[in-house]
């Protein structure tokens, strides 16, 4: 079931929360907290990936603004709280086996991060290197690592396993997003996004 809910409105834009969920799934959650005009392409990727998988949900926020969607609708991932997002609140305590969060990056590369096991990050990096042209790196520290326990991708995951955060440059989000979706789909289906 697909549910949308307005989050906020400004004089020049709006933000809408989206949840694709059957009300019980706790296997896979795909997220795009900065979709719409904020980090273009990520919302579409997240929904596409979730609908291709047999047991997956999708949570996204789609922000649009005539002046600057990024400035208006880009809270840090560690500042996203269920109290501010009713649809996120509906799934916040479920404890998903696999959580994947898709993000945008200004430079043309992919950074594989999140609090998930380093072996999973390396597996994802290798798979993506085979299908995209920009460089792919795995990160466990730095500004795009996404390892903070306060990052929503990590606290949505079951226990202390953490989630997978994927930062993608414009070239990937524009021309190679289907390759990323297909690679992630294959990784999820063969268990490659779960810790050993």
N, C-alpha and C. Protein backbone atom coordinates (compact mmCIF):
# COMPACT_ATOMS: atom_id res chain seq x y z
N UNK A 1 0.83 -1.17 0.00
CA UNK A 1 0.00 0.00 0.00
C UNK A 1 0.88 1.24 0.00
N UNK A 2 0.55 2.21 -0.83
CA UNK A 2 1.30 3.45 -0.94
C UNK A 2 0.53 4.55 -0.22
N UNK A 3 1.21 5.22 0.72
CA UNK A 3 0.61 6.30 1.48
C UNK A 3 1.49 7.53 1.35
N UNK A 4 0.89 8.69 1.15
CA UNK A 4 1.64 9.94 1.15
C UNK A 4 1.01 10.89 2.16
N UNK A 5 1.85 11.77 2.68
CA UNK A 5 1.37 12.72 3.67
C UNK A 5 2.22 13.99 3.58
N UNK A 6 1.57 15.15 3.49
CA UNK A 6 2.35 16.39 3.49
C UNK A 6 3.11 16.54 4.80
N UNK A 7 4.38 16.93 4.72
CA UNK A 7 5.17 17.17 5.92
C UNK A 7 5.13 18.64 6.27
N UNK A 8 5.40 19.48 5.27
CA UNK A 8 5.41 20.93 5.50
C UNK A 8 5.28 21.66 4.18
N UNK A 9 4.96 22.93 4.29
CA UNK A 9 4.82 23.79 3.12
C UNK A 9 5.47 25.13 3.44
N UNK A 10 6.12 25.70 2.44
CA UNK A 10 6.65 27.05 2.56
C UNK A 10 6.03 27.90 1.47
N UNK A 11 6.38 29.16 1.43
CA UNK A 11 5.84 30.05 0.39
C UNK A 11 6.28 29.62 -1.00
N UNK A 12 7.43 28.92 -1.10
CA UNK A 12 7.95 28.57 -2.42
C UNK A 12 8.06 27.07 -2.67
N UNK A 13 7.63 26.23 -1.72
CA UNK A 13 7.76 24.79 -1.94
C UNK A 13 7.00 23.96 -0.93
N UNK A 14 7.24 22.65 -1.00
CA UNK A 14 6.57 21.72 -0.10
C UNK A 14 7.39 20.44 0.04
N UNK A 15 7.10 19.70 1.08
CA UNK A 15 7.74 18.41 1.31
C UNK A 15 6.65 17.38 1.63
N UNK A 16 6.73 16.23 0.97
CA UNK A 16 5.75 15.16 1.15
C UNK A 16 6.46 13.89 1.58
N UNK A 17 5.89 13.23 2.56
CA UNK A 17 6.42 11.96 3.04
C UNK A 17 5.67 10.84 2.33
N UNK A 18 6.40 9.78 1.96
CA UNK A 18 5.83 8.65 1.21
C UNK A 18 6.18 7.35 1.93
N UNK A 19 5.22 6.44 2.03
CA UNK A 19 5.48 5.12 2.59
C UNK A 19 4.81 4.06 1.73
N UNK A 20 5.63 3.14 1.24
CA UNK A 20 5.16 1.97 0.49
C UNK A 20 5.40 0.80 1.43
N UNK A 21 4.31 0.19 1.94
CA UNK A 21 4.46 -0.78 3.02
C UNK A 21 3.18 -1.61 3.16
N UNK A 22 3.36 -2.88 3.54
CA UNK A 22 2.19 -3.73 3.75
C UNK A 22 1.74 -3.76 5.21
N UNK A 23 2.41 -3.04 6.07
CA UNK A 23 2.04 -2.98 7.47
C UNK A 23 2.70 -4.03 8.34
N UNK A 24 3.40 -4.98 7.75
CA UNK A 24 4.01 -6.06 8.54
C UNK A 24 5.44 -6.39 8.14
N UNK A 25 5.87 -6.03 6.94
CA UNK A 25 7.20 -6.40 6.45
C UNK A 25 8.28 -5.92 7.41
N UNK A 26 9.22 -6.79 7.73
CA UNK A 26 10.40 -6.39 8.50
C UNK A 26 11.68 -6.93 7.86
N UNK A 27 11.59 -7.29 6.58
CA UNK A 27 12.73 -7.83 5.87
C UNK A 27 13.62 -6.72 5.31
N UNK A 28 13.12 -5.94 4.35
CA UNK A 28 13.93 -4.92 3.68
C UNK A 28 13.19 -3.57 3.72
N UNK A 29 13.94 -2.52 4.03
CA UNK A 29 13.44 -1.16 3.96
C UNK A 29 14.40 -0.36 3.10
N UNK A 30 13.87 0.32 2.08
CA UNK A 30 14.67 1.18 1.21
C UNK A 30 14.22 2.62 1.48
N UNK A 31 15.18 3.53 1.69
CA UNK A 31 14.86 4.90 2.07
C UNK A 31 15.48 5.92 1.13
N UNK A 32 14.81 7.06 1.05
CA UNK A 32 15.34 8.25 0.38
C UNK A 32 14.81 9.46 1.13
N UNK A 33 15.51 9.86 2.17
CA UNK A 33 15.05 10.95 3.03
C UNK A 33 15.14 12.31 2.35
N UNK A 34 15.94 12.39 1.28
CA UNK A 34 16.16 13.67 0.61
C UNK A 34 15.80 13.58 -0.87
N UNK A 35 14.64 13.01 -1.15
CA UNK A 35 14.21 12.84 -2.53
C UNK A 35 13.60 14.10 -3.12
N UNK A 36 12.96 13.94 -4.25
CA UNK A 36 12.37 15.08 -4.95
C UNK A 36 13.45 15.96 -5.55
N UNK A 37 13.38 17.26 -5.32
CA UNK A 37 14.37 18.18 -5.84
C UNK A 37 15.57 18.36 -4.94
N UNK A 38 15.58 17.70 -3.77
CA UNK A 38 16.68 17.87 -2.81
C UNK A 38 17.92 17.13 -3.31
N UNK A 39 17.81 15.85 -3.49
CA UNK A 39 18.87 15.01 -4.08
C UNK A 39 18.20 14.23 -5.21
N UNK A 40 18.04 14.87 -6.37
CA UNK A 40 17.23 14.31 -7.46
C UNK A 40 17.63 12.88 -7.84
N UNK A 41 16.60 12.08 -8.09
CA UNK A 41 16.80 10.70 -8.52
C UNK A 41 16.74 9.69 -7.41
N UNK A 42 17.00 10.12 -6.17
CA UNK A 42 17.07 9.15 -5.07
C UNK A 42 15.70 8.60 -4.69
N UNK A 43 14.68 9.43 -4.72
CA UNK A 43 13.33 8.97 -4.40
C UNK A 43 12.83 7.93 -5.40
N UNK A 44 13.08 8.22 -6.68
CA UNK A 44 12.68 7.28 -7.73
C UNK A 44 13.44 5.96 -7.60
N UNK A 45 14.73 6.04 -7.32
CA UNK A 45 15.54 4.82 -7.13
C UNK A 45 14.99 3.98 -5.99
N UNK A 46 14.71 4.64 -4.87
CA UNK A 46 14.25 3.91 -3.68
C UNK A 46 12.93 3.19 -3.95
N UNK A 47 11.99 3.87 -4.55
CA UNK A 47 10.69 3.25 -4.83
C UNK A 47 10.83 2.14 -5.86
N UNK A 48 11.66 2.35 -6.86
CA UNK A 48 11.89 1.32 -7.88
C UNK A 48 12.48 0.06 -7.26
N UNK A 49 13.49 0.23 -6.42
CA UNK A 49 14.12 -0.93 -5.79
C UNK A 49 13.12 -1.66 -4.89
N UNK A 50 12.38 -0.93 -4.09
CA UNK A 50 11.42 -1.56 -3.17
C UNK A 50 10.35 -2.34 -3.92
N UNK A 51 9.88 -1.81 -5.05
CA UNK A 51 8.80 -2.50 -5.77
C UNK A 51 9.31 -3.71 -6.55
N UNK A 52 10.61 -3.79 -6.78
CA UNK A 52 11.17 -4.97 -7.47
C UNK A 52 11.40 -6.14 -6.52
N UNK A 53 11.55 -5.86 -5.24
CA UNK A 53 11.84 -6.91 -4.27
C UNK A 53 10.54 -7.49 -3.71
N UNK A 54 10.51 -8.79 -3.43
CA UNK A 54 9.26 -9.41 -2.96
C UNK A 54 8.82 -8.96 -1.57
N UNK A 55 9.74 -8.69 -0.67
CA UNK A 55 9.40 -8.30 0.70
C UNK A 55 10.16 -7.04 1.07
N UNK A 56 9.67 -5.91 0.57
CA UNK A 56 10.36 -4.65 0.83
C UNK A 56 9.36 -3.52 1.04
N UNK A 57 9.77 -2.59 1.87
CA UNK A 57 9.02 -1.36 2.10
C UNK A 57 9.90 -0.20 1.64
N UNK A 58 9.28 0.96 1.47
CA UNK A 58 10.03 2.15 1.07
C UNK A 58 9.51 3.33 1.86
N UNK A 59 10.43 4.10 2.46
CA UNK A 59 10.10 5.36 3.09
C UNK A 59 10.91 6.45 2.42
N UNK A 60 10.25 7.55 2.04
CA UNK A 60 10.94 8.65 1.38
C UNK A 60 10.30 9.97 1.73
N UNK A 61 11.10 11.02 1.64
CA UNK A 61 10.61 12.39 1.72
C UNK A 61 10.97 13.06 0.42
N UNK A 62 9.98 13.71 -0.17
CA UNK A 62 10.16 14.36 -1.47
C UNK A 62 9.99 15.86 -1.27
N UNK A 63 11.10 16.60 -1.33
CA UNK A 63 11.08 18.04 -1.11
C UNK A 63 11.24 18.81 -2.40
N UNK A 64 10.44 19.84 -2.56
CA UNK A 64 10.49 20.68 -3.75
C UNK A 64 10.46 22.15 -3.32
N UNK A 65 11.23 22.97 -3.98
CA UNK A 65 11.23 24.39 -3.67
C UNK A 65 11.69 25.16 -4.90
N UNK A 66 10.99 26.24 -5.21
CA UNK A 66 11.33 27.04 -6.39
C UNK A 66 12.69 27.70 -6.25
N UNK A 67 13.13 27.96 -5.03
CA UNK A 67 14.39 28.66 -4.82
C UNK A 67 15.55 27.70 -4.57
N UNK A 68 15.45 26.84 -3.55
CA UNK A 68 16.55 25.94 -3.21
C UNK A 68 16.02 24.77 -2.39
N UNK A 69 15.68 23.69 -3.06
CA UNK A 69 15.10 22.53 -2.38
C UNK A 69 16.07 21.94 -1.36
N UNK A 70 17.36 21.93 -1.67
CA UNK A 70 18.35 21.38 -0.74
C UNK A 70 18.35 22.17 0.57
N UNK A 71 18.40 23.49 0.45
CA UNK A 71 18.43 24.34 1.65
C UNK A 71 17.13 24.20 2.45
N UNK A 72 16.01 24.11 1.76
CA UNK A 72 14.71 24.07 2.43
C UNK A 72 14.40 22.72 3.08
N UNK A 73 14.84 21.61 2.47
CA UNK A 73 14.35 20.30 2.88
C UNK A 73 15.45 19.26 3.10
N UNK A 74 16.62 19.65 3.56
CA UNK A 74 17.70 18.69 3.77
C UNK A 74 18.16 18.67 5.23
N UNK A 75 17.41 18.01 6.11
CA UNK A 75 17.95 17.85 7.46
C UNK A 75 19.06 16.80 7.43
N UNK A 76 20.05 16.90 8.30
CA UNK A 76 21.07 15.85 8.37
C UNK A 76 20.41 14.50 8.70
N UNK A 77 20.98 13.43 8.20
CA UNK A 77 20.40 12.09 8.44
C UNK A 77 20.34 11.75 9.92
N UNK A 78 21.24 12.32 10.71
CA UNK A 78 21.24 12.06 12.15
C UNK A 78 20.23 12.92 12.90
N UNK A 79 19.56 13.84 12.21
CA UNK A 79 18.55 14.69 12.84
C UNK A 79 17.13 14.26 12.49
N UNK A 80 16.97 13.22 11.71
CA UNK A 80 15.65 12.75 11.32
C UNK A 80 15.07 11.91 12.45
N UNK A 81 13.92 12.34 12.96
CA UNK A 81 13.27 11.70 14.10
C UNK A 81 11.84 11.29 13.74
N UNK A 82 11.38 10.15 14.22
CA UNK A 82 10.01 9.72 13.93
C UNK A 82 8.95 10.73 14.35
N UNK A 83 9.20 11.49 15.41
CA UNK A 83 8.22 12.47 15.88
C UNK A 83 7.91 13.52 14.82
N UNK A 84 8.85 13.76 13.91
CA UNK A 84 8.66 14.77 12.87
C UNK A 84 8.06 14.20 11.58
N UNK A 85 8.01 12.88 11.48
CA UNK A 85 7.56 12.22 10.25
C UNK A 85 6.58 11.09 10.62
N UNK A 86 5.29 11.35 10.53
CA UNK A 86 4.30 10.35 10.94
C UNK A 86 4.41 9.00 10.24
N UNK A 87 4.73 8.98 8.95
CA UNK A 87 4.83 7.71 8.25
C UNK A 87 6.08 6.95 8.67
N UNK A 88 7.17 7.65 8.93
CA UNK A 88 8.37 7.02 9.48
C UNK A 88 8.07 6.47 10.86
N UNK A 89 7.31 7.20 11.64
CA UNK A 89 6.93 6.75 12.98
C UNK A 89 6.19 5.41 12.94
N UNK A 90 5.41 5.19 11.88
CA UNK A 90 4.65 3.94 11.75
C UNK A 90 5.54 2.71 11.60
N UNK A 91 6.78 2.88 11.13
CA UNK A 91 7.67 1.74 10.91
C UNK A 91 8.92 1.78 11.79
N UNK A 92 9.09 2.84 12.58
CA UNK A 92 10.34 3.09 13.31
C UNK A 92 10.74 1.98 14.26
N UNK A 93 9.81 1.30 14.86
CA UNK A 93 10.15 0.28 15.84
C UNK A 93 10.16 -1.13 15.30
N UNK A 94 10.05 -1.29 14.00
CA UNK A 94 9.89 -2.62 13.42
C UNK A 94 11.18 -3.44 13.40
N UNK A 95 12.34 -2.82 13.28
CA UNK A 95 13.61 -3.55 13.25
C UNK A 95 13.79 -4.35 11.98
N UNK A 96 14.13 -3.69 10.89
CA UNK A 96 14.28 -4.34 9.58
C UNK A 96 15.59 -5.10 9.50
N UNK A 97 15.56 -6.24 8.83
CA UNK A 97 16.76 -7.05 8.61
C UNK A 97 17.78 -6.31 7.76
N UNK A 98 17.30 -5.65 6.71
CA UNK A 98 18.17 -4.90 5.80
C UNK A 98 17.57 -3.52 5.59
N UNK A 99 18.39 -2.48 5.79
CA UNK A 99 17.96 -1.10 5.54
C UNK A 99 18.97 -0.48 4.57
N UNK A 100 18.46 0.09 3.49
CA UNK A 100 19.29 0.74 2.48
C UNK A 100 18.79 2.17 2.33
N UNK A 101 19.69 3.13 2.46
CA UNK A 101 19.34 4.53 2.33
C UNK A 101 20.10 5.14 1.15
N UNK A 102 19.37 5.71 0.20
CA UNK A 102 19.96 6.27 -1.01
C UNK A 102 20.05 7.79 -0.90
N UNK A 103 21.24 8.31 -1.20
CA UNK A 103 21.51 9.74 -1.06
C UNK A 103 22.21 10.28 -2.29
N UNK A 104 22.28 11.61 -2.36
CA UNK A 104 23.00 12.29 -3.42
C UNK A 104 24.27 12.91 -2.89
N UNK A 105 25.22 13.05 -3.77
CA UNK A 105 26.53 13.59 -3.47
C UNK A 105 26.86 14.59 -4.57
N UNK A 106 27.58 15.67 -4.26
CA UNK A 106 27.88 16.69 -5.26
C UNK A 106 28.92 16.23 -6.29
N UNK A 107 29.91 15.46 -5.87
CA UNK A 107 30.95 15.04 -6.82
C UNK A 107 30.66 13.66 -7.38
N UNK A 108 31.25 13.38 -8.54
CA UNK A 108 30.93 12.14 -9.25
C UNK A 108 31.73 10.95 -8.74
N UNK A 109 31.16 10.33 -7.75
CA UNK A 109 31.67 9.09 -7.17
C UNK A 109 30.53 8.48 -6.38
N UNK A 110 30.75 7.29 -5.87
CA UNK A 110 29.81 6.64 -4.98
C UNK A 110 30.56 6.32 -3.70
N UNK A 111 29.93 6.63 -2.57
CA UNK A 111 30.49 6.29 -1.26
C UNK A 111 29.53 5.31 -0.60
N UNK A 112 30.05 4.13 -0.28
CA UNK A 112 29.27 3.08 0.38
C UNK A 112 29.56 3.18 1.87
N UNK A 113 28.55 3.53 2.64
CA UNK A 113 28.73 3.72 4.07
C UNK A 113 27.59 3.13 4.87
N UNK A 114 27.37 3.69 6.05
CA UNK A 114 26.36 3.20 6.97
C UNK A 114 27.02 2.41 8.09
N UNK A 115 26.23 2.09 9.09
CA UNK A 115 26.75 1.36 10.24
C UNK A 115 26.86 -0.14 10.04
N UNK A 116 26.52 -0.61 8.86
CA UNK A 116 26.56 -2.04 8.56
C UNK A 116 28.00 -2.55 8.55
N UNK A 117 28.17 -3.83 8.68
CA UNK A 117 29.45 -4.51 8.69
C UNK A 117 30.35 -4.09 7.52
N UNK A 118 31.66 -3.92 7.79
CA UNK A 118 32.61 -3.50 6.75
C UNK A 118 32.69 -4.50 5.60
N UNK A 119 32.49 -5.78 5.87
CA UNK A 119 32.51 -6.79 4.80
C UNK A 119 31.36 -6.57 3.83
N UNK A 120 30.21 -6.16 4.33
CA UNK A 120 29.07 -5.87 3.45
C UNK A 120 29.38 -4.66 2.59
N UNK A 121 29.96 -3.64 3.18
CA UNK A 121 30.33 -2.44 2.40
C UNK A 121 31.29 -2.80 1.27
N UNK A 122 32.26 -3.66 1.56
CA UNK A 122 33.21 -4.07 0.52
C UNK A 122 32.51 -4.85 -0.59
N UNK A 123 31.57 -5.73 -0.21
CA UNK A 123 30.82 -6.51 -1.20
C UNK A 123 30.01 -5.59 -2.10
N UNK A 124 29.34 -4.61 -1.50
CA UNK A 124 28.54 -3.66 -2.27
C UNK A 124 29.45 -2.83 -3.18
N UNK A 125 30.58 -2.37 -2.64
CA UNK A 125 31.53 -1.60 -3.45
C UNK A 125 31.97 -2.38 -4.68
N UNK A 126 32.36 -3.64 -4.48
CA UNK A 126 32.82 -4.45 -5.61
C UNK A 126 31.73 -4.63 -6.66
N UNK A 127 30.51 -4.88 -6.22
CA UNK A 127 29.40 -5.07 -7.16
C UNK A 127 29.14 -3.80 -7.96
N UNK A 128 29.17 -2.65 -7.28
CA UNK A 128 28.90 -1.40 -7.97
C UNK A 128 30.04 -1.01 -8.91
N UNK A 129 31.27 -1.32 -8.54
CA UNK A 129 32.41 -1.03 -9.42
C UNK A 129 32.25 -1.71 -10.78
N UNK A 130 31.58 -2.84 -10.80
CA UNK A 130 31.38 -3.58 -12.05
C UNK A 130 30.31 -2.97 -12.96
N UNK A 131 29.47 -2.06 -12.41
CA UNK A 131 28.34 -1.60 -13.21
C UNK A 131 28.25 -0.10 -13.42
N UNK A 132 29.07 0.69 -12.73
CA UNK A 132 29.04 2.15 -12.91
C UNK A 132 30.40 2.67 -13.32
N UNK A 133 30.42 3.84 -13.96
CA UNK A 133 31.69 4.40 -14.42
C UNK A 133 32.42 5.23 -13.37
N UNK A 134 31.76 6.00 -12.49
CA UNK A 134 32.51 6.76 -11.48
C UNK A 134 33.17 5.83 -10.46
N UNK A 135 34.19 6.34 -9.76
CA UNK A 135 34.83 5.53 -8.72
C UNK A 135 33.88 5.23 -7.57
N UNK A 136 34.09 4.08 -6.93
CA UNK A 136 33.27 3.65 -5.80
C UNK A 136 34.21 3.38 -4.64
N UNK A 137 33.87 3.91 -3.47
CA UNK A 137 34.69 3.67 -2.29
C UNK A 137 33.82 3.28 -1.11
N UNK A 138 34.37 2.49 -0.22
CA UNK A 138 33.69 2.14 1.03
C UNK A 138 34.24 3.04 2.12
N UNK A 139 33.36 3.56 2.98
CA UNK A 139 33.79 4.50 4.03
C UNK A 139 33.31 4.04 5.40
N UNK A 140 34.23 4.11 6.36
CA UNK A 140 33.88 3.82 7.75
C UNK A 140 34.07 5.04 8.64
N UNK A 141 34.60 6.13 8.06
CA UNK A 141 34.69 7.40 8.78
C UNK A 141 34.66 8.53 7.76
N UNK A 142 34.52 9.73 8.25
CA UNK A 142 34.44 10.88 7.36
C UNK A 142 33.01 11.37 7.20
N UNK A 143 32.84 12.47 6.45
CA UNK A 143 31.53 13.12 6.37
C UNK A 143 30.43 12.31 5.69
N UNK A 144 30.78 11.33 4.88
CA UNK A 144 29.75 10.56 4.16
C UNK A 144 29.67 9.11 4.62
N UNK A 145 30.32 8.79 5.72
CA UNK A 145 30.35 7.40 6.19
C UNK A 145 29.00 6.94 6.73
N UNK A 146 28.23 7.82 7.33
CA UNK A 146 26.89 7.45 7.82
C UNK A 146 26.90 6.44 8.95
N UNK A 147 27.93 6.44 9.78
CA UNK A 147 28.06 5.42 10.82
C UNK A 147 27.46 5.81 12.17
N UNK A 148 27.02 7.04 12.32
CA UNK A 148 26.47 7.48 13.60
C UNK A 148 25.25 6.65 13.99
N UNK A 149 25.16 6.22 15.26
CA UNK A 149 23.95 5.51 15.71
C UNK A 149 22.69 6.37 15.58
N UNK A 150 22.86 7.70 15.54
CA UNK A 150 21.71 8.60 15.40
C UNK A 150 21.21 8.68 13.96
N UNK A 151 22.00 8.21 13.01
CA UNK A 151 21.59 8.20 11.60
C UNK A 151 20.42 7.22 11.45
N UNK A 152 19.33 7.69 10.84
CA UNK A 152 18.13 6.87 10.75
C UNK A 152 18.36 5.52 10.07
N UNK A 153 19.30 5.43 9.12
CA UNK A 153 19.56 4.16 8.44
C UNK A 153 20.05 3.11 9.43
N UNK A 154 20.70 3.55 10.49
CA UNK A 154 21.24 2.61 11.48
C UNK A 154 20.22 2.23 12.55
N UNK A 155 19.43 3.17 13.05
CA UNK A 155 18.47 2.79 14.08
C UNK A 155 17.21 2.12 13.54
N UNK A 156 16.98 2.20 12.24
CA UNK A 156 15.87 1.44 11.66
C UNK A 156 16.19 -0.04 11.49
N UNK A 157 17.47 -0.38 11.51
CA UNK A 157 17.89 -1.78 11.35
C UNK A 157 17.71 -2.55 12.65
N UNK A 158 17.48 -3.83 12.52
CA UNK A 158 17.28 -4.72 13.67
C UNK A 158 18.54 -4.78 14.53
N UNK A 159 18.37 -4.67 15.83
CA UNK A 159 19.50 -4.79 16.75
C UNK A 159 20.53 -3.71 16.50
N UNK A 160 21.80 -4.09 16.55
CA UNK A 160 22.87 -3.12 16.35
C UNK A 160 23.59 -3.34 15.02
N UNK A 161 22.93 -3.99 14.07
CA UNK A 161 23.58 -4.32 12.80
C UNK A 161 23.84 -3.11 11.91
N UNK A 162 23.07 -2.04 12.03
CA UNK A 162 23.24 -0.86 11.20
C UNK A 162 22.72 -1.07 9.79
N UNK A 163 22.66 0.02 9.06
CA UNK A 163 22.14 -0.02 7.70
C UNK A 163 23.21 0.33 6.68
N UNK A 164 22.82 0.28 5.42
CA UNK A 164 23.70 0.58 4.29
C UNK A 164 23.31 1.94 3.72
N UNK A 165 24.27 2.86 3.69
CA UNK A 165 24.03 4.20 3.14
C UNK A 165 24.83 4.34 1.86
N UNK A 166 24.16 4.77 0.80
CA UNK A 166 24.81 4.91 -0.50
C UNK A 166 24.72 6.36 -0.96
N UNK A 167 25.87 7.03 -1.02
CA UNK A 167 25.97 8.41 -1.52
C UNK A 167 26.36 8.33 -2.99
N UNK A 168 25.60 9.01 -3.86
CA UNK A 168 25.82 8.90 -5.30
C UNK A 168 25.92 10.27 -5.95
N UNK A 169 26.93 10.43 -6.79
CA UNK A 169 27.11 11.68 -7.52
C UNK A 169 26.06 11.87 -8.60
N UNK A 170 26.00 13.08 -9.18
CA UNK A 170 24.99 13.39 -10.20
C UNK A 170 25.02 12.49 -11.42
N UNK A 171 26.20 12.12 -11.89
CA UNK A 171 26.29 11.27 -13.09
C UNK A 171 25.62 9.92 -12.86
N UNK A 172 25.78 9.38 -11.66
CA UNK A 172 25.15 8.10 -11.33
C UNK A 172 23.64 8.28 -11.22
N UNK A 173 23.21 9.30 -10.51
CA UNK A 173 21.77 9.52 -10.31
C UNK A 173 21.06 9.89 -11.61
N UNK A 174 21.78 10.49 -12.55
CA UNK A 174 21.17 10.85 -13.84
C UNK A 174 21.18 9.69 -14.83
N UNK A 175 22.37 9.17 -15.12
CA UNK A 175 22.48 8.20 -16.20
C UNK A 175 22.69 6.76 -15.81
N UNK A 176 23.06 6.49 -14.56
CA UNK A 176 23.39 5.12 -14.19
C UNK A 176 22.57 4.60 -13.00
N UNK A 177 21.47 5.27 -12.71
CA UNK A 177 20.69 4.85 -11.53
C UNK A 177 20.05 3.48 -11.70
N UNK A 178 19.69 3.13 -12.93
CA UNK A 178 19.12 1.79 -13.17
C UNK A 178 20.17 0.72 -12.87
N UNK A 179 21.42 0.97 -13.21
CA UNK A 179 22.48 0.00 -12.93
C UNK A 179 22.66 -0.19 -11.42
N UNK A 180 22.54 0.90 -10.67
CA UNK A 180 22.65 0.83 -9.20
C UNK A 180 21.48 0.04 -8.63
N UNK A 181 20.27 0.34 -9.10
CA UNK A 181 19.08 -0.38 -8.62
C UNK A 181 19.20 -1.87 -8.91
N UNK A 182 19.60 -2.22 -10.12
CA UNK A 182 19.74 -3.64 -10.49
C UNK A 182 20.80 -4.33 -9.63
N UNK A 183 21.91 -3.65 -9.38
CA UNK A 183 22.98 -4.25 -8.55
C UNK A 183 22.50 -4.45 -7.12
N UNK A 184 21.81 -3.46 -6.56
CA UNK A 184 21.29 -3.60 -5.20
C UNK A 184 20.22 -4.68 -5.11
N UNK A 185 19.38 -4.75 -6.13
CA UNK A 185 18.36 -5.81 -6.17
C UNK A 185 19.02 -7.19 -6.11
N UNK A 186 20.04 -7.40 -6.93
CA UNK A 186 20.74 -8.68 -6.95
C UNK A 186 21.43 -8.96 -5.61
N UNK A 187 22.03 -7.94 -5.02
CA UNK A 187 22.70 -8.11 -3.73
C UNK A 187 21.71 -8.50 -2.63
N UNK A 188 20.56 -7.84 -2.60
CA UNK A 188 19.55 -8.16 -1.59
C UNK A 188 19.05 -9.58 -1.79
N UNK A 189 18.76 -9.94 -3.03
CA UNK A 189 18.20 -11.27 -3.31
C UNK A 189 19.19 -12.40 -3.00
N UNK A 190 20.50 -12.15 -3.17
CA UNK A 190 21.45 -13.22 -2.86
C UNK A 190 22.05 -13.10 -1.46
N UNK A 191 21.48 -12.21 -0.63
CA UNK A 191 21.93 -12.08 0.76
C UNK A 191 23.19 -11.25 0.93
N UNK A 192 23.65 -10.58 -0.12
CA UNK A 192 24.89 -9.82 -0.07
C UNK A 192 24.83 -8.54 0.74
N UNK A 193 23.65 -8.10 1.15
CA UNK A 193 23.52 -6.90 1.97
C UNK A 193 23.37 -7.22 3.45
N UNK A 194 23.53 -8.48 3.78
CA UNK A 194 23.44 -8.89 5.20
C UNK A 194 24.79 -9.29 5.71
N UNK A 195 25.06 -9.01 6.98
CA UNK A 195 26.36 -9.40 7.55
C UNK A 195 26.57 -10.90 7.48
N UNK A 196 27.84 -11.30 7.39
CA UNK A 196 28.19 -12.73 7.35
C UNK A 196 27.87 -13.42 8.66
